[in-house]
N, C-alpha and C. Protein backbone atom coordinates (compact mmCIF):
# COMPACT_ATOMS: atom_id res chain seq x y z
N MET A 1 122.75 -197.04 -184.19
CA MET A 1 121.42 -197.40 -183.67
C MET A 1 121.44 -198.91 -183.39
N THR A 2 121.07 -199.34 -182.37
CA THR A 2 121.06 -200.83 -182.01
C THR A 2 119.79 -201.43 -182.50
N THR A 3 119.93 -202.77 -182.98
CA THR A 3 118.65 -203.58 -183.39
C THR A 3 118.14 -204.07 -182.18
N LEU A 4 116.81 -204.59 -182.47
CA LEU A 4 116.01 -205.35 -181.34
C LEU A 4 116.85 -206.68 -180.86
N ALA A 5 117.59 -207.18 -181.73
CA ALA A 5 118.34 -208.40 -181.41
C ALA A 5 119.40 -208.12 -180.49
N GLN A 6 120.15 -207.00 -180.79
CA GLN A 6 121.23 -206.45 -180.03
C GLN A 6 120.81 -206.08 -178.53
N ARG A 7 119.69 -205.49 -178.48
CA ARG A 7 119.07 -205.02 -177.25
C ARG A 7 118.67 -206.19 -176.43
N LEU A 8 118.10 -207.23 -177.13
CA LEU A 8 117.82 -208.39 -176.32
C LEU A 8 118.94 -209.08 -175.85
N VAL A 9 120.08 -209.13 -176.62
CA VAL A 9 121.31 -209.79 -176.10
C VAL A 9 121.82 -209.07 -174.74
N GLU A 10 121.70 -207.79 -174.86
CA GLU A 10 122.27 -207.02 -173.74
C GLU A 10 121.39 -207.12 -172.47
N ALA A 11 120.13 -207.14 -172.81
CA ALA A 11 119.16 -207.35 -171.73
C ALA A 11 119.12 -208.59 -171.02
N GLU A 12 119.43 -209.60 -171.80
CA GLU A 12 119.40 -211.02 -171.10
C GLU A 12 120.76 -211.07 -170.49
N ALA A 13 121.82 -210.47 -170.85
CA ALA A 13 123.13 -210.48 -170.27
C ALA A 13 123.10 -209.76 -168.85
N ALA A 14 122.29 -208.65 -169.00
CA ALA A 14 122.07 -207.86 -167.78
C ALA A 14 121.39 -208.66 -166.76
N TYR A 15 120.27 -209.31 -167.13
CA TYR A 15 119.32 -210.05 -166.39
C TYR A 15 120.12 -211.21 -165.71
N HIS A 16 120.99 -211.99 -166.40
CA HIS A 16 121.78 -213.01 -165.91
C HIS A 16 122.87 -212.57 -164.82
N SER A 17 123.43 -211.38 -165.10
CA SER A 17 124.37 -210.77 -164.17
C SER A 17 123.48 -210.33 -162.83
N LEU A 18 122.38 -209.85 -163.02
CA LEU A 18 121.55 -209.50 -161.81
C LEU A 18 121.20 -210.89 -161.02
N MET A 19 120.82 -211.95 -161.79
CA MET A 19 120.43 -213.09 -161.25
C MET A 19 121.47 -213.90 -160.41
N THR A 20 122.84 -213.59 -160.91
CA THR A 20 123.86 -214.24 -160.39
C THR A 20 124.84 -213.46 -159.45
N GLY A 21 124.15 -212.55 -158.86
CA GLY A 21 124.79 -211.79 -157.61
C GLY A 21 125.24 -210.42 -157.84
N ARG A 22 125.17 -209.81 -159.05
CA ARG A 22 125.42 -208.31 -159.11
C ARG A 22 124.35 -207.63 -158.70
N SER A 23 124.74 -206.43 -157.87
CA SER A 23 123.79 -205.65 -157.27
C SER A 23 122.99 -204.83 -157.96
N ALA A 24 123.40 -204.46 -159.29
CA ALA A 24 122.67 -203.56 -160.10
C ALA A 24 123.21 -203.61 -161.66
N VAL A 25 122.32 -203.38 -162.50
CA VAL A 25 122.90 -203.41 -163.89
C VAL A 25 122.19 -202.26 -164.65
N THR A 26 122.75 -201.74 -165.63
CA THR A 26 122.11 -200.59 -166.44
C THR A 26 121.94 -201.05 -167.83
N VAL A 27 120.67 -200.73 -168.34
CA VAL A 27 120.30 -201.09 -169.71
C VAL A 27 119.94 -199.86 -170.42
N THR A 28 120.09 -199.76 -171.84
CA THR A 28 119.72 -198.65 -172.58
C THR A 28 118.55 -199.11 -173.32
N ASP A 29 117.34 -198.60 -173.11
CA ASP A 29 116.20 -198.96 -173.72
C ASP A 29 116.00 -198.43 -175.29
N GLN A 30 114.92 -198.81 -176.03
CA GLN A 30 114.67 -198.47 -177.36
C GLN A 30 114.65 -196.94 -177.59
N SER A 31 114.39 -196.13 -176.67
CA SER A 31 114.44 -194.80 -176.78
C SER A 31 115.78 -194.04 -176.38
N GLY A 32 116.73 -194.95 -176.03
CA GLY A 32 118.16 -194.48 -175.66
C GLY A 32 118.29 -194.01 -174.23
N GLU A 33 117.14 -194.19 -173.44
CA GLU A 33 117.21 -193.97 -172.08
C GLU A 33 117.90 -195.00 -171.24
N SER A 34 118.90 -194.62 -170.35
CA SER A 34 119.45 -195.71 -169.50
C SER A 34 118.79 -195.92 -168.20
N ILE A 35 118.36 -197.18 -167.98
CA ILE A 35 117.80 -197.62 -166.81
C ILE A 35 118.53 -198.60 -165.95
N THR A 36 118.51 -198.27 -164.67
CA THR A 36 119.38 -199.11 -163.74
C THR A 36 118.36 -199.95 -163.00
N TYR A 37 118.64 -201.39 -163.08
CA TYR A 37 117.79 -202.19 -162.51
C TYR A 37 118.53 -202.99 -161.25
N GLY A 38 117.92 -202.91 -160.10
CA GLY A 38 118.53 -203.65 -158.88
C GLY A 38 117.67 -204.84 -158.71
N ARG A 39 118.09 -205.73 -157.69
CA ARG A 39 117.55 -206.90 -157.46
C ARG A 39 115.92 -206.71 -157.14
N ALA A 40 115.52 -205.58 -156.64
CA ALA A 40 114.10 -205.36 -156.40
C ALA A 40 113.45 -205.25 -157.70
N ARG A 41 114.08 -204.80 -158.73
CA ARG A 41 113.44 -204.58 -160.10
C ARG A 41 113.68 -205.57 -161.09
N ALA A 42 114.15 -206.63 -160.60
CA ALA A 42 114.52 -207.76 -161.61
C ALA A 42 113.33 -208.07 -162.43
N SER A 43 111.95 -208.19 -161.78
CA SER A 43 110.87 -208.61 -162.54
C SER A 43 110.54 -207.64 -163.71
N ASP A 44 110.86 -206.38 -163.52
CA ASP A 44 110.75 -205.26 -164.57
C ASP A 44 111.76 -205.66 -165.68
N LEU A 45 112.95 -205.95 -165.30
CA LEU A 45 113.96 -206.34 -166.39
C LEU A 45 113.50 -207.51 -167.00
N ALA A 46 113.04 -208.49 -166.51
CA ALA A 46 112.45 -209.77 -167.06
C ALA A 46 111.24 -209.34 -168.02
N GLY A 47 110.42 -208.44 -167.59
CA GLY A 47 109.44 -207.98 -168.47
C GLY A 47 109.93 -207.29 -169.74
N TYR A 48 110.87 -206.46 -169.57
CA TYR A 48 111.57 -205.81 -170.73
C TYR A 48 112.20 -206.94 -171.69
N VAL A 49 112.83 -207.97 -171.12
CA VAL A 49 113.22 -209.05 -172.09
C VAL A 49 112.22 -209.66 -172.75
N ALA A 50 111.06 -209.98 -172.15
CA ALA A 50 109.91 -210.59 -172.71
C ALA A 50 109.32 -209.65 -173.82
N ASN A 51 109.21 -208.38 -173.53
CA ASN A 51 108.82 -207.51 -174.53
C ASN A 51 109.64 -207.38 -175.69
N LEU A 52 110.89 -207.49 -175.64
CA LEU A 52 111.88 -207.38 -176.70
C LEU A 52 111.61 -208.87 -177.48
N LYS A 53 111.47 -209.86 -176.86
CA LYS A 53 111.25 -211.17 -177.61
C LYS A 53 109.92 -211.24 -178.31
N GLN A 54 109.08 -210.49 -177.83
CA GLN A 54 107.65 -210.34 -178.57
C GLN A 54 107.76 -209.53 -179.72
N GLN A 55 108.39 -208.43 -179.63
CA GLN A 55 108.65 -207.57 -180.67
C GLN A 55 109.41 -208.26 -181.76
N ILE A 56 110.50 -208.94 -181.47
CA ILE A 56 111.21 -209.69 -182.54
C ILE A 56 110.46 -210.69 -183.20
N SER A 57 109.60 -211.43 -182.49
CA SER A 57 108.71 -212.58 -183.07
C SER A 57 107.58 -211.85 -183.93
N GLY A 58 107.20 -210.80 -183.70
CA GLY A 58 106.24 -210.15 -184.53
C GLY A 58 104.73 -210.45 -184.23
N ARG A 59 104.49 -211.30 -183.10
CA ARG A 59 103.11 -211.65 -182.72
C ARG A 59 102.72 -210.59 -181.78
N PRO A 60 101.40 -210.34 -181.84
CA PRO A 60 100.88 -209.46 -180.94
C PRO A 60 100.85 -209.96 -179.53
N ALA A 61 100.92 -209.16 -178.52
CA ALA A 61 100.98 -209.47 -177.22
C ALA A 61 99.55 -209.88 -176.70
N ILE A 62 99.42 -210.84 -175.84
CA ILE A 62 98.21 -211.37 -175.29
C ILE A 62 97.86 -210.50 -174.12
N LYS A 63 96.74 -209.82 -174.41
CA LYS A 63 96.37 -208.62 -173.33
C LYS A 63 95.26 -209.25 -172.35
N THR A 64 94.38 -210.19 -172.72
CA THR A 64 93.29 -210.59 -171.97
C THR A 64 93.22 -212.06 -172.26
N ILE A 65 92.88 -212.81 -170.99
CA ILE A 65 92.62 -214.34 -171.10
C ILE A 65 91.48 -214.53 -170.32
N ARG A 66 90.40 -215.20 -171.02
CA ARG A 66 89.18 -215.35 -170.38
C ARG A 66 89.03 -216.94 -170.04
N PHE A 67 88.45 -217.12 -169.00
CA PHE A 67 88.11 -218.59 -168.53
C PHE A 67 86.72 -218.63 -168.57
N ASN A 68 86.17 -219.93 -169.09
CA ASN A 68 84.82 -220.21 -169.02
C ASN A 68 84.65 -221.46 -168.25
N THR A 69 84.01 -221.66 -167.24
CA THR A 69 83.89 -222.95 -166.41
C THR A 69 82.40 -223.22 -166.38
N SER A 70 82.22 -224.49 -165.99
CA SER A 70 80.84 -224.80 -165.82
C SER A 70 80.52 -224.76 -164.33
N LYS A 71 81.28 -224.47 -163.39
CA LYS A 71 80.91 -224.31 -162.04
C LYS A 71 81.12 -222.98 -161.61
N GLY A 72 80.51 -222.60 -160.62
CA GLY A 72 80.71 -221.08 -160.24
C GLY A 72 79.47 -220.38 -160.04
N ILE A 73 79.59 -219.06 -160.02
CA ILE A 73 78.50 -218.14 -159.81
C ILE A 73 77.38 -218.17 -161.06
């Protein structure tokens, strides 16, 4: 069984390969499922990397951001 840190290293390497010209990369996620990412899905892979980093840090994900302004409706 792979650890979060190992998956993060693999996902970051896959993202780097994709961004430097490789047409597609395959990553195995936490459930053991293999997912192939192409250039069109690079943002999905970046999201997966961010999710792994968030899980490793142990901090809860920010789900809502609210802005209060003095001008407007």
